N, C-alpha and C. Protein backbone atom coordinates (compact mmCIF):
# COMPACT_ATOMS: atom_id res chain seq x y z
N MET A 1 -42.51 118.89 176.01
CA MET A 1 -41.54 119.67 175.69
C MET A 1 -40.50 119.30 174.61
N MET A 2 -40.08 120.23 173.62
CA MET A 2 -39.10 119.62 172.78
C MET A 2 -37.86 119.10 173.03
N GLU A 3 -37.17 118.48 172.39
CA GLU A 3 -35.60 118.23 172.67
C GLU A 3 -34.91 119.54 172.85
N PRO A 4 -33.89 119.72 173.98
CA PRO A 4 -33.19 120.73 173.84
C PRO A 4 -32.18 120.70 172.61
N LYS A 5 -32.04 122.22 172.31
CA LYS A 5 -30.92 122.46 171.43
C LYS A 5 -29.82 123.44 171.98
N PRO A 6 -28.82 123.12 171.66
CA PRO A 6 -27.70 124.19 171.87
C PRO A 6 -27.67 125.45 171.68
N VAL A 7 -28.54 126.04 170.40
CA VAL A 7 -28.52 127.30 169.92
C VAL A 7 -29.89 127.63 169.70
N MET A 8 -30.41 129.08 169.90
CA MET A 8 -31.56 129.43 169.92
C MET A 8 -31.33 130.74 169.47
N ASN A 9 -32.18 131.44 168.75
CA ASN A 9 -32.42 132.76 168.34
C ASN A 9 -33.33 133.50 169.12
N VAL A 10 -33.14 134.63 169.66
CA VAL A 10 -34.12 135.44 170.55
C VAL A 10 -35.42 135.76 170.00
N ALA A 11 -35.38 136.11 168.52
CA ALA A 11 -36.43 136.28 167.58
C ALA A 11 -37.36 135.30 167.60
N ASN A 12 -37.02 133.98 168.23
CA ASN A 12 -38.08 132.89 168.07
C ASN A 12 -38.62 132.27 169.33
N VAL A 13 -38.28 133.21 170.66
CA VAL A 13 -38.51 132.97 171.75
C VAL A 13 -40.21 133.29 171.69
N VAL A 14 -40.93 132.26 172.63
CA VAL A 14 -42.32 132.40 172.43
C VAL A 14 -42.26 133.23 173.86
N LEU A 15 -43.07 134.41 173.94
CA LEU A 15 -43.23 135.03 174.66
C LEU A 15 -44.60 135.17 175.35
N GLN A 16 -44.65 135.41 176.56
CA GLN A 16 -46.10 135.05 177.43
C GLN A 16 -46.12 136.36 178.38
N GLU A 17 -47.35 137.28 178.08
CA GLU A 17 -47.59 138.63 178.91
C GLU A 17 -47.74 138.18 180.31
N GLN A 18 -47.33 138.74 181.19
CA GLN A 18 -47.66 139.16 182.73
C GLN A 18 -47.60 140.59 183.01
N ARG A 19 -48.79 140.77 184.14
CA ARG A 19 -49.30 142.26 184.07
C ARG A 19 -49.44 142.15 185.49
N HIS A 20 -49.55 143.20 186.27
CA HIS A 20 -50.14 143.71 187.45
C HIS A 20 -50.44 145.25 187.55
N GLY A 21 -51.54 145.50 187.65
CA GLY A 21 -52.23 146.92 187.58
C GLY A 21 -51.45 147.43 186.25
N GLU A 22 -51.24 148.77 186.56
CA GLU A 22 -50.82 149.60 185.44
C GLU A 22 -49.15 149.68 185.40
N ARG A 23 -48.73 149.47 186.46
CA ARG A 23 -47.04 149.64 186.45
C ARG A 23 -46.21 148.38 186.06
N PHE A 24 -46.89 147.26 186.11
CA PHE A 24 -46.12 145.99 185.73
C PHE A 24 -46.43 145.19 184.90
N VAL A 25 -45.76 145.50 183.73
CA VAL A 25 -46.02 144.80 182.30
C VAL A 25 -44.85 144.39 181.49
N VAL A 26 -44.95 142.82 181.42
CA VAL A 26 -44.00 142.13 180.58
C VAL A 26 -44.23 141.01 179.74
N LYS A 27 -43.62 141.14 178.77
CA LYS A 27 -43.67 139.81 177.88
C LYS A 27 -42.42 139.02 177.89
N LYS A 28 -42.56 137.68 178.53
CA LYS A 28 -41.43 136.88 178.86
C LYS A 28 -41.60 135.40 178.18
N GLY A 29 -40.05 135.25 178.02
CA GLY A 29 -40.02 133.72 177.30
C GLY A 29 -39.01 133.35 178.06
N ARG A 30 -39.01 132.12 178.54
CA ARG A 30 -37.86 131.34 179.19
C ARG A 30 -36.90 130.73 177.91
N MET A 31 -35.80 130.87 178.20
CA MET A 31 -34.66 130.03 177.06
C MET A 31 -33.96 128.78 177.64
N GLY A 32 -33.86 128.91 178.87
CA GLY A 32 -32.85 128.04 179.59
C GLY A 32 -33.11 126.54 179.41
N PRO A 33 -34.77 126.14 179.69
CA PRO A 33 -34.98 124.68 179.43
C PRO A 33 -34.87 124.37 178.05
N SER A 34 -35.13 125.14 176.90
CA SER A 34 -35.04 124.69 175.20
C SER A 34 -33.48 124.50 175.11
N LEU A 35 -32.69 125.11 175.86
CA LEU A 35 -31.16 125.09 175.84
C LEU A 35 -30.64 124.11 176.57
N GLY A 36 -31.55 123.47 177.41
CA GLY A 36 -31.08 122.40 178.12
C GLY A 36 -30.52 122.61 179.28
N LEU A 37 -30.63 124.07 179.71
CA LEU A 37 -29.79 124.34 180.98
C LEU A 37 -30.45 123.90 182.07
N THR A 38 -30.04 123.61 183.45
CA THR A 38 -30.51 122.94 184.45
C THR A 38 -29.93 123.96 185.51
N LYS A 39 -28.83 124.84 185.53
CA LYS A 39 -28.31 125.44 186.75
C LYS A 39 -28.32 126.67 186.26
N LEU A 40 -28.62 127.21 185.29
CA LEU A 40 -28.77 128.61 184.56
C LEU A 40 -29.76 129.03 184.40
N GLY A 41 -30.77 129.79 184.35
CA GLY A 41 -31.66 130.42 183.92
C GLY A 41 -31.54 131.45 182.76
N CYS A 42 -32.46 131.63 181.96
CA CYS A 42 -32.02 132.60 181.08
C CYS A 42 -33.79 132.92 180.37
N ALA A 43 -34.07 134.33 180.44
CA ALA A 43 -34.98 134.64 179.58
C ALA A 43 -35.01 136.03 178.92
N LEU A 44 -35.99 136.06 177.88
CA LEU A 44 -36.05 137.45 177.31
C LEU A 44 -37.26 138.19 177.88
N HIS A 45 -36.93 139.24 178.36
CA HIS A 45 -37.80 140.06 178.81
C HIS A 45 -38.15 141.29 177.89
N VAL A 46 -39.44 141.32 177.73
CA VAL A 46 -39.72 142.81 176.77
C VAL A 46 -40.80 143.68 177.55
N VAL A 47 -40.26 145.09 178.01
CA VAL A 47 -41.12 145.78 178.83
C VAL A 47 -41.53 146.99 178.03
N PRO A 48 -42.95 147.53 177.96
CA PRO A 48 -43.10 148.64 177.13
C PRO A 48 -42.81 150.15 177.97
N PRO A 49 -42.60 151.12 177.14
CA PRO A 49 -42.10 152.38 177.74
C PRO A 49 -43.20 152.71 179.03
N GLY A 50 -42.43 153.14 180.31
CA GLY A 50 -42.88 153.42 181.55
C GLY A 50 -43.55 152.43 182.40
N LYS A 51 -42.93 151.24 182.04
CA LYS A 51 -43.32 150.07 182.56
C LYS A 51 -42.00 149.49 183.19
N ARG A 52 -42.37 148.46 184.32
CA ARG A 52 -41.28 147.53 184.61
C ARG A 52 -42.03 146.20 184.97
N ALA A 53 -40.92 145.08 185.08
CA ALA A 53 -41.53 143.60 184.77
C ALA A 53 -41.67 143.26 186.26
N TYR A 54 -40.82 143.72 187.29
CA TYR A 54 -40.96 143.24 188.71
C TYR A 54 -40.61 144.34 189.67
N PRO A 55 -41.34 144.06 190.99
CA PRO A 55 -40.78 145.06 192.12
C PRO A 55 -39.68 145.22 192.30
N PHE A 56 -39.22 146.36 192.95
CA PHE A 56 -38.00 146.19 193.62
C PHE A 56 -37.58 145.37 194.57
N HIS A 57 -36.61 144.27 194.39
CA HIS A 57 -36.29 143.36 195.27
C HIS A 57 -34.93 142.83 195.27
N ALA A 58 -34.56 142.01 196.38
CA ALA A 58 -33.39 141.43 196.51
C ALA A 58 -33.44 139.83 196.85
N HIS A 59 -32.66 139.06 195.90
CA HIS A 59 -32.50 138.04 196.22
C HIS A 59 -31.54 137.32 197.10
N HIS A 60 -31.76 136.59 197.94
CA HIS A 60 -30.69 135.92 199.04
C HIS A 60 -29.87 135.04 198.46
N VAL A 61 -30.23 134.15 197.70
CA VAL A 61 -29.88 132.94 197.27
C VAL A 61 -29.29 133.16 195.83
N ILE A 62 -30.01 133.57 194.96
CA ILE A 62 -29.47 133.39 193.18
C ILE A 62 -29.01 134.91 192.94
N GLU A 63 -28.27 134.88 192.05
CA GLU A 63 -27.53 135.92 191.29
C GLU A 63 -27.93 136.40 189.83
N GLU A 64 -28.49 137.35 189.70
CA GLU A 64 -28.94 138.09 188.35
C GLU A 64 -27.62 138.58 187.08
N LEU A 65 -27.73 138.55 186.19
CA LEU A 65 -27.39 139.35 185.19
C LEU A 65 -28.12 139.85 184.33
N PHE A 66 -28.14 140.98 183.51
CA PHE A 66 -29.18 141.31 182.85
C PHE A 66 -28.61 142.19 181.54
N VAL A 67 -28.85 141.83 180.43
CA VAL A 67 -28.10 142.23 179.29
C VAL A 67 -29.25 143.01 178.47
N ILE A 68 -29.11 144.39 178.13
CA ILE A 68 -29.88 145.10 177.47
C ILE A 68 -29.57 145.08 176.20
N LEU A 69 -30.91 144.53 175.21
CA LEU A 69 -30.57 143.94 173.76
C LEU A 69 -30.98 145.23 172.99
N SER A 70 -31.99 146.00 173.78
CA SER A 70 -32.75 147.16 172.94
C SER A 70 -33.33 148.17 173.86
N GLY A 71 -33.35 149.44 173.67
CA GLY A 71 -34.04 150.55 174.45
C GLY A 71 -33.44 150.95 175.68
N ALA A 72 -33.77 151.79 176.57
CA ALA A 72 -33.28 152.64 177.40
C ALA A 72 -34.07 152.65 178.50
N GLY A 73 -33.46 152.88 179.87
CA GLY A 73 -34.21 153.00 181.06
C GLY A 73 -33.36 153.09 182.27
N GLU A 74 -33.76 153.06 183.59
CA GLU A 74 -33.14 153.19 184.76
C GLU A 74 -33.00 151.67 185.16
N TYR A 75 -31.74 151.73 185.95
CA TYR A 75 -31.58 150.44 186.86
C TYR A 75 -31.55 151.05 188.26
N ARG A 76 -32.34 150.56 189.08
CA ARG A 76 -32.43 151.14 190.62
C ARG A 76 -31.63 149.89 191.20
N PHE A 77 -30.71 150.25 192.07
CA PHE A 77 -29.86 149.33 192.48
C PHE A 77 -29.26 150.07 193.98
N GLY A 78 -30.13 149.23 194.90
CA GLY A 78 -29.78 149.74 196.41
C GLY A 78 -30.30 151.41 196.21
N GLY A 79 -29.89 152.21 196.94
CA GLY A 79 -30.04 153.75 196.87
C GLY A 79 -29.70 154.33 195.66
N GLU A 80 -29.17 153.77 194.93
CA GLU A 80 -28.94 154.41 193.46
C GLU A 80 -29.83 154.47 192.04
N THR A 81 -29.74 155.18 191.44
CA THR A 81 -30.24 154.63 189.90
C THR A 81 -29.15 154.97 188.76
N PHE A 82 -29.23 154.09 187.97
CA PHE A 82 -28.27 154.32 187.25
C PHE A 82 -29.04 154.15 185.55
N PRO A 83 -28.62 155.19 184.70
CA PRO A 83 -29.18 155.11 183.28
C PRO A 83 -28.74 154.00 182.52
N VAL A 84 -29.51 153.30 181.94
CA VAL A 84 -28.83 152.08 180.80
C VAL A 84 -29.65 152.31 179.72
N LYS A 85 -28.87 151.48 178.83
CA LYS A 85 -29.28 151.76 177.41
C LYS A 85 -28.82 150.06 176.71
N THR A 86 -29.09 150.28 175.49
CA THR A 86 -28.62 149.06 174.65
C THR A 86 -26.90 148.82 175.01
N GLY A 87 -26.80 147.29 174.95
CA GLY A 87 -25.53 147.00 175.51
C GLY A 87 -24.82 146.93 176.60
N ASP A 88 -25.49 147.61 177.54
CA ASP A 88 -25.24 147.50 179.10
C ASP A 88 -25.52 146.46 179.67
N VAL A 89 -24.57 145.95 180.63
CA VAL A 89 -24.74 144.62 181.26
C VAL A 89 -24.96 144.88 182.71
N LEU A 90 -25.85 144.61 183.55
CA LEU A 90 -26.05 144.75 184.75
C LEU A 90 -25.92 143.73 185.50
N GLY A 91 -25.40 143.88 187.01
CA GLY A 91 -25.31 142.55 187.54
C GLY A 91 -26.18 142.97 189.10
N ALA A 92 -26.79 141.84 189.38
CA ALA A 92 -27.28 141.82 190.66
C ALA A 92 -26.93 140.77 191.48
N PRO A 93 -25.68 140.73 192.50
CA PRO A 93 -25.65 139.68 193.27
C PRO A 93 -26.30 139.21 194.27
N ALA A 94 -26.22 138.02 194.79
CA ALA A 94 -27.24 137.74 195.80
C ALA A 94 -26.82 138.46 196.92
N GLY A 95 -27.92 138.68 197.77
CA GLY A 95 -27.56 139.57 198.99
C GLY A 95 -28.87 140.48 199.39
N LYS A 96 -28.45 141.55 200.06
CA LYS A 96 -29.46 142.56 200.63
C LYS A 96 -29.45 143.68 199.70
N THR A 97 -28.88 143.72 198.51
CA THR A 97 -29.15 145.02 197.55
C THR A 97 -30.37 144.68 196.55
N PRO A 98 -31.18 145.40 197.04
CA PRO A 98 -32.47 145.12 195.91
C PRO A 98 -32.26 146.20 194.40
N HIS A 99 -32.61 145.57 193.75
CA HIS A 99 -32.60 145.97 192.23
C HIS A 99 -33.95 146.06 191.61
N GLN A 100 -34.09 146.78 190.49
CA GLN A 100 -35.47 146.87 189.56
C GLN A 100 -35.12 147.60 188.14
N ILE A 101 -35.14 147.10 187.06
CA ILE A 101 -35.18 147.87 185.87
C ILE A 101 -36.45 148.26 185.31
N VAL A 102 -36.20 149.83 184.94
CA VAL A 102 -37.67 150.32 184.96
C VAL A 102 -37.36 151.14 183.24
N ASN A 103 -38.26 150.92 182.28
CA ASN A 103 -38.24 151.18 180.98
C ASN A 103 -38.84 153.03 181.38
N THR A 104 -37.76 154.04 181.00
CA THR A 104 -37.93 155.32 180.88
C THR A 104 -37.95 155.53 179.57
N GLY A 105 -37.58 155.09 178.62
CA GLY A 105 -37.54 155.22 177.31
C GLY A 105 -38.83 155.52 176.76
N THR A 106 -38.59 155.64 175.58
CA THR A 106 -39.85 155.73 174.48
C THR A 106 -40.27 154.74 173.53
N GLU A 107 -39.56 153.52 173.81
CA GLU A 107 -39.72 152.31 172.82
C GLU A 107 -39.79 151.11 174.05
N GLU A 108 -40.02 150.09 173.28
CA GLU A 108 -40.10 148.95 174.27
C GLU A 108 -38.30 148.52 174.38
N MET A 109 -38.23 148.09 175.99
CA MET A 109 -37.24 147.75 176.09
C MET A 109 -36.97 146.15 176.03
N ARG A 110 -35.93 145.47 175.88
CA ARG A 110 -35.50 144.19 175.36
C ARG A 110 -34.32 143.93 176.13
N TYR A 111 -34.51 142.91 177.06
CA TYR A 111 -33.24 142.48 177.64
C TYR A 111 -33.10 140.84 178.00
N LEU A 112 -31.98 140.40 178.52
CA LEU A 112 -32.00 139.09 178.72
C LEU A 112 -31.83 139.23 180.19
N GLY A 113 -32.67 138.24 180.91
CA GLY A 113 -32.18 137.90 182.17
C GLY A 113 -31.52 136.46 182.26
N ILE A 114 -30.56 136.56 183.06
CA ILE A 114 -29.71 135.37 183.26
C ILE A 114 -29.54 135.21 184.80
N SER A 115 -29.76 133.99 185.36
CA SER A 115 -29.64 133.88 186.69
C SER A 115 -29.17 132.46 187.19
N THR A 116 -28.69 132.45 188.23
CA THR A 116 -28.23 131.01 188.87
C THR A 116 -29.64 130.43 189.29
N ILE A 117 -29.50 129.06 189.39
CA ILE A 117 -31.00 128.42 189.89
C ILE A 117 -30.68 127.74 191.06
N GLY A 118 -31.80 127.82 191.71
CA GLY A 118 -31.75 127.21 193.22
C GLY A 118 -33.09 126.64 193.40
N SER A 119 -33.20 125.73 194.30
CA SER A 119 -34.31 125.24 194.66
C SER A 119 -34.88 125.83 195.95
N VAL A 120 -34.21 126.85 196.65
CA VAL A 120 -34.66 127.52 197.42
C VAL A 120 -34.17 129.05 197.30
N ASP A 121 -35.16 130.29 197.54
CA ASP A 121 -34.95 131.51 197.48
C ASP A 121 -35.20 132.27 198.53
N VAL A 122 -34.98 133.28 198.86
CA VAL A 122 -35.59 134.21 199.96
C VAL A 122 -35.38 135.57 199.14
N VAL A 123 -36.62 136.12 199.27
CA VAL A 123 -36.65 137.59 198.21
C VAL A 123 -37.35 138.59 199.27
N GLU A 124 -36.66 139.70 199.49
CA GLU A 124 -37.16 141.02 199.93
C GLU A 124 -37.63 141.89 198.87
N TYR A 125 -38.60 142.76 199.32
CA TYR A 125 -39.29 143.79 198.66
C TYR A 125 -39.56 144.80 199.29
N PRO A 126 -38.47 145.91 199.36
CA PRO A 126 -38.47 146.79 200.29
C PRO A 126 -39.59 147.86 199.95
N ASP A 127 -39.75 147.86 199.09
CA ASP A 127 -40.80 149.23 198.59
C ASP A 127 -42.05 148.56 198.91
N SER A 128 -42.64 147.46 199.40
CA SER A 128 -43.91 147.10 199.86
C SER A 128 -43.65 146.34 201.13
N LYS A 129 -42.25 146.40 201.53
CA LYS A 129 -42.24 145.63 202.96
C LYS A 129 -42.80 144.34 203.21
N LYS A 130 -42.22 143.39 202.13
CA LYS A 130 -42.59 142.05 202.11
C LYS A 130 -41.22 141.41 201.97
N VAL A 131 -41.16 140.02 202.49
CA VAL A 131 -40.52 138.94 202.20
C VAL A 131 -41.11 138.06 201.44
N ALA A 132 -40.26 136.97 200.62
CA ALA A 132 -41.21 135.56 200.18
C ALA A 132 -40.08 134.71 200.46
N VAL A 133 -40.56 133.63 201.03
CA VAL A 133 -39.33 132.42 201.02
C VAL A 133 -40.04 131.14 200.40
N ALA A 134 -39.17 130.67 199.61
CA ALA A 134 -39.84 129.66 198.63
C ALA A 134 -38.90 128.41 198.89
N ALA A 135 -39.33 127.20 198.74
CA ALA A 135 -38.55 126.12 198.75
C ALA A 135 -39.26 125.05 197.43
N GLY A 136 -38.32 123.90 196.98
CA GLY A 136 -38.86 123.40 196.03
C GLY A 136 -39.18 124.05 194.74
N ILE A 137 -38.20 124.76 194.34
CA ILE A 137 -38.28 125.66 193.13
C ILE A 137 -37.76 124.90 191.94
N LYS A 138 -38.54 124.96 190.95
CA LYS A 138 -38.20 123.90 189.54
C LYS A 138 -37.99 124.87 188.55
N ASN A 139 -36.97 125.01 187.94
CA ASN A 139 -36.90 125.84 186.40
C ASN A 139 -36.89 127.20 186.78
N ALA A 140 -36.34 127.56 187.92
CA ALA A 140 -36.15 128.89 188.48
C ALA A 140 -37.62 129.79 188.38
N ASP A 141 -38.77 129.05 188.42
CA ASP A 141 -40.28 129.48 188.69
C ASP A 141 -40.81 129.44 190.13
N PHE A 142 -41.11 130.25 190.71
CA PHE A 142 -41.32 130.47 191.99
C PHE A 142 -42.93 129.62 191.86
N LYS A 143 -43.76 129.88 190.88
CA LYS A 143 -45.04 129.11 190.85
C LYS A 143 -44.72 127.74 190.85
N THR A 144 -43.76 126.84 190.74
CA THR A 144 -43.55 125.57 190.74
C THR A 144 -43.08 125.22 192.25
N ALA A 145 -42.99 126.26 192.98
CA ALA A 145 -42.11 125.75 194.45
C ALA A 145 -43.33 124.89 195.28
N THR A 146 -42.67 123.91 196.02
CA THR A 146 -43.43 123.02 196.97
C THR A 146 -43.76 123.94 198.45
N PHE A 147 -43.10 124.85 198.95
CA PHE A 147 -43.55 125.60 199.64
C PHE A 147 -43.40 127.40 199.55
N VAL A 148 -44.43 128.11 199.62
CA VAL A 148 -44.27 129.45 199.38
C VAL A 148 -44.79 130.41 200.55
N GLN A 149 -43.89 131.12 201.19
CA GLN A 149 -44.57 132.07 202.14
C GLN A 149 -44.43 133.63 202.00
N ILE A 150 -45.32 134.46 201.67
CA ILE A 150 -44.91 135.80 201.61
C ILE A 150 -45.59 136.49 202.62
N ALA A 151 -44.74 137.33 203.23
CA ALA A 151 -45.52 137.92 204.62
C ALA A 151 -44.91 139.47 204.57
N ARG A 152 -45.38 140.24 205.44
CA ARG A 152 -45.00 141.50 205.79
C ARG A 152 -43.77 141.55 206.40
N THR A 153 -42.65 142.36 206.33
CA THR A 153 -41.55 142.24 207.26
C THR A 153 -41.83 143.21 208.44
N GLY A 154 -41.19 142.83 209.57
CA GLY A 154 -41.27 143.62 210.78
C GLY A 154 -41.51 142.71 211.92
N GLU A 155 -42.54 141.95 211.96
CA GLU A 155 -42.70 141.07 212.85
C GLU A 155 -41.77 139.68 212.93
N SER A 156 -41.01 139.52 214.03
CA SER A 156 -40.44 138.21 213.92
C SER A 156 -40.96 137.37 215.36
N LEU A 157 -41.01 136.29 215.20
CA LEU A 157 -41.29 135.40 216.17
C LEU A 157 -40.03 134.62 216.77
N ASP A 158 -40.16 134.28 218.14
CA ASP A 158 -39.06 133.62 218.71
C ASP A 158 -39.21 132.08 218.36
N TYR A 159 -38.00 131.46 218.34
CA TYR A 159 -38.06 129.87 217.47
C TYR A 159 -38.97 129.14 218.30
N TRP A 160 -39.27 129.35 219.59
CA TRP A 160 -39.94 128.37 220.29
C TRP A 160 -41.44 128.89 220.20
N ASP A 161 -41.81 129.95 219.65
CA ASP A 161 -43.36 130.70 219.95
C ASP A 161 -44.39 129.73 219.44
N GLY A 162 -45.33 129.19 220.20
CA GLY A 162 -46.38 128.33 219.79
C GLY A 162 -46.10 127.08 219.86
N GLU A 163 -44.89 126.63 220.58
CA GLU A 163 -44.60 125.39 220.68
C GLU A 163 -45.05 125.06 221.99
N PRO A 164 -45.18 123.87 222.32
CA PRO A 164 -45.88 123.25 223.86
C PRO A 164 -44.67 123.19 224.75
N SER A 165 -44.48 123.63 225.75
CA SER A 165 -43.43 123.43 226.75
C SER A 165 -43.28 122.43 227.44
């Protein structure tokens, strides 16, 4: 990796495409490491019309802030949906309120995703009834975690379940 610099332009962010099926498509470029940030994540997201980058989800540990640079869409936040456009700033506090940005416009949507960074996170996905637990996360990337468990919600075990008595 190159030596971090304190200034970069979003036009120079290297984007990598991520997709799942027809609904989830994003070109994403991480900016935090290039700026030398270790406690704050920042990434440019470019989402085509009719798509979304991620499932409806709620982080229990990290907080997120989004700045819409261009385009228009909807922000699902809890049980409400808010129209969003260029210049809007969206908050996603840590806790049980899920959120999702959907590009409902006719042009690509570009936004910055800024987040706190933690080595542990618990994420709920209410639409698919899943929960993810991760530890040992580096650079705000779940793929780097030393432990990840994704399971369906609903079944809960007793603390002592399966332990010899």
